[in-house]
Protein backbone atom coordinates (compact mmCIF):
# COMPACT_ATOMS: atom_id res chain seq x y z
CA MET A 1 -4.63 1.15 -12.48
CA VAL A 2 -6.72 0.11 -9.48
CA GLN A 3 -8.25 -2.75 -11.47
CA ARG A 4 -4.80 -4.01 -12.43
CA PHE A 5 -3.78 -3.89 -8.78
CA THR A 6 -6.81 -5.95 -7.71
CA GLN A 7 -5.88 -8.54 -10.33
CA ILE A 8 -2.45 -8.81 -8.68
CA LEU A 9 -4.07 -9.10 -5.24
CA GLY A 10 -6.49 -11.73 -6.50
CA ALA A 11 -3.59 -13.97 -7.48
CA GLU A 12 -2.65 -14.05 -3.79
CA ASP A 13 -6.12 -14.01 -2.18
CA ALA A 14 -9.36 -14.67 -4.09
CA LEU A 15 -11.28 -12.37 -1.72
CA LEU A 16 -9.21 -9.46 -3.04
CA GLY A 17 -9.64 -10.14 -6.77
CA GLU A 18 -11.19 -7.64 -9.17
CA SER A 19 -14.70 -9.14 -8.99
CA ALA A 20 -14.83 -8.66 -5.21
CA TRP A 21 -14.82 -4.87 -4.98
CA TYR A 22 -17.72 -2.46 -4.37
CA LEU A 23 -17.99 1.28 -3.87
CA CYS A 24 -18.33 2.12 -0.18
CA GLY A 25 -21.73 3.57 0.68
CA ASP A 26 -23.41 5.25 3.64
CA THR A 27 -25.39 2.11 4.55
CA LYS A 28 -24.86 -1.64 4.30
CA ASP A 29 -27.28 -1.90 1.36
CA ASP A 30 -25.63 1.03 -0.44
CA SER A 31 -22.25 -0.61 0.00
CA TYR A 32 -23.37 -3.63 -2.03
CA ARG A 33 -25.10 -1.56 -4.70
CA TYR A 34 -22.21 -0.79 -7.07
CA PRO A 35 -19.68 -3.45 -8.12
CA VAL A 36 -16.61 -1.54 -9.29
CA PHE A 37 -15.30 -3.60 -12.19
CA ARG A 38 -16.99 -5.27 -15.14
CA GLY A 39 -14.92 -7.00 -17.79
CA ASP A 40 -12.15 -4.80 -19.13
CA GLY A 41 -12.85 -1.67 -17.09
CA PRO A 42 -14.93 0.13 -14.46
CA ALA A 43 -18.63 -0.71 -14.28
CA THR A 44 -20.73 2.02 -15.91
CA ALA A 45 -22.93 2.61 -12.86
CA ALA A 46 -19.97 2.79 -10.47
CA LEU A 47 -18.16 5.20 -12.75
CA ALA A 48 -21.21 7.48 -12.95
CA VAL A 49 -21.45 7.59 -9.14
CA LEU A 50 -17.75 8.39 -8.81
CA ASN A 51 -17.92 11.16 -11.41
CA GLN A 52 -20.75 12.77 -9.47
CA GLU A 53 -19.21 12.41 -6.01
CA VAL A 54 -15.64 13.54 -6.69
CA ASP A 55 -16.81 16.88 -8.08
CA TRP A 56 -17.93 17.97 -4.61
CA ASP A 57 -14.46 18.36 -3.10
CA ASP A 58 -12.35 21.34 -4.18
CA VAL A 59 -9.17 20.27 -2.33
CA MET A 60 -8.82 16.70 -3.54
CA LYS A 61 -10.76 13.90 -5.14
CA SER A 62 -11.10 10.55 -3.42
CA PHE A 63 -13.02 7.30 -3.35
CA ALA A 64 -13.11 4.18 -1.20
CA LEU A 65 -13.75 0.55 -2.10
CA TRP A 66 -14.38 -2.56 -0.02
CA ASN A 67 -14.43 -6.24 -0.85
CA GLY A 68 -17.92 -7.02 0.45
CA GLN A 69 -16.77 -9.25 3.31
CA LEU A 70 -18.34 -8.52 6.70
CA GLU A 71 -16.05 -10.85 8.65
CA ILE A 72 -13.21 -8.64 9.85
CA THR A 73 -10.42 -11.09 9.00
CA LYS A 74 -11.76 -11.45 5.44
CA GLY A 75 -12.59 -7.79 4.80
CA ALA A 76 -10.43 -5.27 3.00
CA SER A 77 -10.64 -1.68 1.79
CA ILE A 78 -8.85 0.54 -0.71
CA SER A 79 -8.74 4.32 -0.32
CA TYR A 80 -7.55 6.55 -3.16
CA TYR A 81 -6.74 10.29 -3.04
CA PHE A 82 -5.85 12.18 -6.21
CA ASP A 83 -5.94 15.49 -8.11
CA ARG A 84 -4.99 17.42 -4.97
CA THR A 85 -4.96 21.21 -5.23
CA ASP A 86 -2.92 21.68 -2.04
CA GLY A 87 0.29 20.47 -3.67
CA ALA A 88 0.40 17.11 -1.89
CA ALA A 89 1.01 13.95 -3.89
CA SER A 90 -1.76 11.53 -4.76
CA ALA A 91 -1.94 8.49 -2.50
CA TRP A 92 -3.70 5.16 -2.04
CA SER A 93 -3.85 2.64 0.77
CA LEU A 94 -4.90 -0.99 1.12
CA ALA A 95 -6.14 -2.01 4.58
CA LEU A 96 -6.26 -5.69 5.57
CA VAL A 97 -6.85 -7.46 8.86
CA SER A 98 -5.07 -10.73 9.61
CA LYS A 99 -5.20 -13.12 12.52
CA PRO A 100 -1.84 -12.84 14.33
CA PRO A 101 0.71 -14.09 13.58
CA SER A 102 -0.42 -14.67 9.99
CA SER A 103 -0.36 -12.40 6.94
CA ARG A 104 -3.24 -12.23 4.46
CA LEU A 105 -0.79 -12.05 1.58
CA GLY A 106 1.51 -14.75 2.92
CA ALA A 107 5.27 -14.71 3.46
CA TRP A 108 7.36 -11.58 3.12
CA THR A 109 8.46 -12.60 -0.36
CA ARG A 110 4.86 -12.60 -1.59
CA VAL A 111 4.13 -9.26 0.08
CA ALA A 112 7.23 -7.78 -1.54
CA LYS A 113 6.07 -9.13 -4.89
CA VAL A 114 2.73 -7.32 -4.53
CA ILE A 115 4.50 -4.08 -3.59
CA SER A 116 6.88 -4.48 -6.52
CA GLU A 117 4.00 -4.87 -8.97
CA ALA A 118 2.17 -1.90 -7.45
CA VAL A 119 5.30 0.21 -7.85
CA LYS A 120 5.44 -0.68 -11.53
CA ILE A 121 1.85 0.53 -11.94
CA TRP A 122 2.03 3.83 -10.02
CA ARG A 123 5.75 4.75 -9.90
CA PRO A 124 5.29 6.23 -6.38
CA LEU A 125 7.55 8.48 -4.35
CA LEU A 126 7.40 5.76 -1.71
CA ALA A 127 5.34 2.77 -0.60
CA THR A 128 5.17 1.15 2.83
CA VAL A 129 3.79 -1.98 4.47
CA ASP A 130 3.19 -1.64 8.19
CA THR A 131 0.71 -2.22 11.00
CA ARG A 132 -1.56 0.31 12.64
CA ASN A 133 0.08 -0.09 16.06
CA TYR A 134 3.57 0.69 14.79
CA GLU A 135 5.12 4.12 15.33
CA GLY A 136 8.31 5.16 13.59
CA VAL A 137 11.17 7.15 15.05
CA PHE A 138 10.41 10.36 13.17
CA PRO A 139 6.87 11.78 13.38
CA ASP A 140 7.46 13.98 10.34
CA ARG A 141 8.53 11.08 8.12
CA PRO A 142 7.01 7.75 7.02
CA GLY A 143 7.93 4.72 9.10
CA VAL A 144 9.62 1.71 7.56
CA GLY A 145 7.34 -0.84 9.23
CA TRP A 146 7.62 -4.24 7.56
CA MET A 147 9.00 -2.83 4.33
CA ILE A 148 9.38 0.40 2.42
CA TYR A 149 9.95 1.15 -1.25
CA LEU A 150 12.10 4.14 -2.20
CA PRO A 151 12.77 5.24 -5.80
CA THR A 152 16.52 4.94 -5.47
CA ILE A 153 19.09 2.15 -5.75
CA LEU A 154 20.20 1.04 -2.29
CA THR A 155 22.96 -1.38 -1.28
CA GLU A 156 23.72 -3.48 1.79
CA HIS A 157 26.53 -1.06 2.60
CA GLN A 158 24.00 1.80 2.81
CA VAL A 159 21.40 -0.12 4.85
CA PRO A 160 23.18 -2.92 6.73
CA GLU A 161 20.24 -3.23 9.18
CA ALA A 162 17.89 -4.41 6.41
CA ARG A 163 17.01 -8.11 6.39
CA ALA A 164 16.57 -7.96 2.62
CA LEU A 165 16.88 -5.48 -0.24
CA ILE A 166 14.85 -6.09 -3.39
CA GLY A 167 15.48 -4.14 -6.56
CA VAL A 168 12.41 -3.15 -8.60
CA GLU A 169 12.94 -2.98 -12.34
CA ASP A 170 10.95 -1.16 -15.01
CA GLU A 171 9.81 -2.59 -18.34
CA GLY A 172 13.30 -2.06 -19.75
CA ASN A 173 14.88 -4.10 -16.94
CA GLN A 174 16.41 -0.97 -15.44
CA GLN A 175 16.29 -0.73 -11.65
CA MET A 176 14.10 2.18 -10.61
CA GLY A 177 14.06 1.64 -6.86
CA THR A 178 14.52 -0.65 -3.88
CA ILE A 179 12.26 -2.38 -1.36
CA VAL A 180 13.86 -2.41 2.08
CA VAL A 181 12.62 -5.27 4.30
CA SER A 182 12.97 -5.06 8.09
CA VAL A 183 11.75 -8.55 9.05
CA THR A 184 11.94 -11.88 7.21
CA ASP A 185 11.21 -14.37 10.02
CA GLY A 186 7.45 -13.83 9.81
CA PRO A 187 4.87 -11.05 9.49
CA PHE A 188 5.91 -7.74 11.03
CA SER A 189 4.42 -6.95 14.43
CA GLY A 190 4.35 -3.50 15.96
CA THR A 191 4.29 -5.11 19.42
CA ASP A 192 7.39 -7.27 18.89
CA PRO A 193 10.37 -5.35 20.38
CA GLU A 194 12.83 -6.95 17.96
CA HIS A 195 10.71 -6.06 14.94
CA VAL A 196 10.32 -2.49 16.15
CA ARG A 197 14.04 -2.14 16.81
CA SER A 198 14.85 -3.42 13.33
CA ALA A 199 12.48 -0.99 11.61
CA ASN A 200 13.60 1.92 13.80
CA ALA A 201 17.27 1.23 13.05
CA ILE A 202 16.58 1.30 9.31
CA GLU A 203 14.73 4.61 9.64
CA VAL A 204 17.65 6.19 11.49
CA ARG A 205 20.10 4.88 8.90
CA LEU A 206 18.02 6.24 6.01
CA VAL A 207 17.58 9.65 7.63
CA ASP A 208 21.31 9.90 8.32
CA GLN A 209 21.81 9.61 4.56
CA ASP A 210 18.89 11.92 3.71
CA LEU A 211 17.07 9.01 2.03
CA LEU A 212 13.80 9.02 4.00
CA PRO A 213 11.63 11.95 2.86
CA ARG A 214 9.54 14.17 5.10
CA TYR A 215 5.78 14.16 4.63
CA VAL A 216 5.89 17.85 3.74
CA ASP A 217 8.15 17.06 0.78
CA LEU A 218 5.85 14.44 -0.71
């Protein structure tokens, strides 16, 4: 699944393609030691290291990848948490750094396309795109940020504050959820008052309809 996702990313940014990724290590040299993907699947050496490392944690299994780029605006990382014994859902995150006011993945339509494809791979309870300096209205719930995917069909009547609503369809062309977009005039910024107000308003609207889950329920 992760390899398929990196193929999707690579179509938007070559530095994020499947051949770019390494297992994170404790030192710089270690972090270049194990390329993650070879051909049609995980590299044998990387898989052996992962199988050894994930056995150490009784609460959850996890691993982290990076794309081998030391320049901060070219670097990226993927963190994956799974097989949790505490009842929490599995999760993954992609972290990118862009030079303001640009977006590494381009316009909002391209970002939404990446999220849509990721949703088709993982079928998540939710997915978000935001910035680290953004804080949502409700500390016990995910923030909307730039966009959020929810596994329900939403309409403009339900979320009039949204700048765009994008339906995500499964392989049978049946809608399985909706991406709610808060900003379409450029990349979302957590320091832009208008962007923050737009995202906050969507969060309030979703909570009023019991559509934005609490972290504890995920």
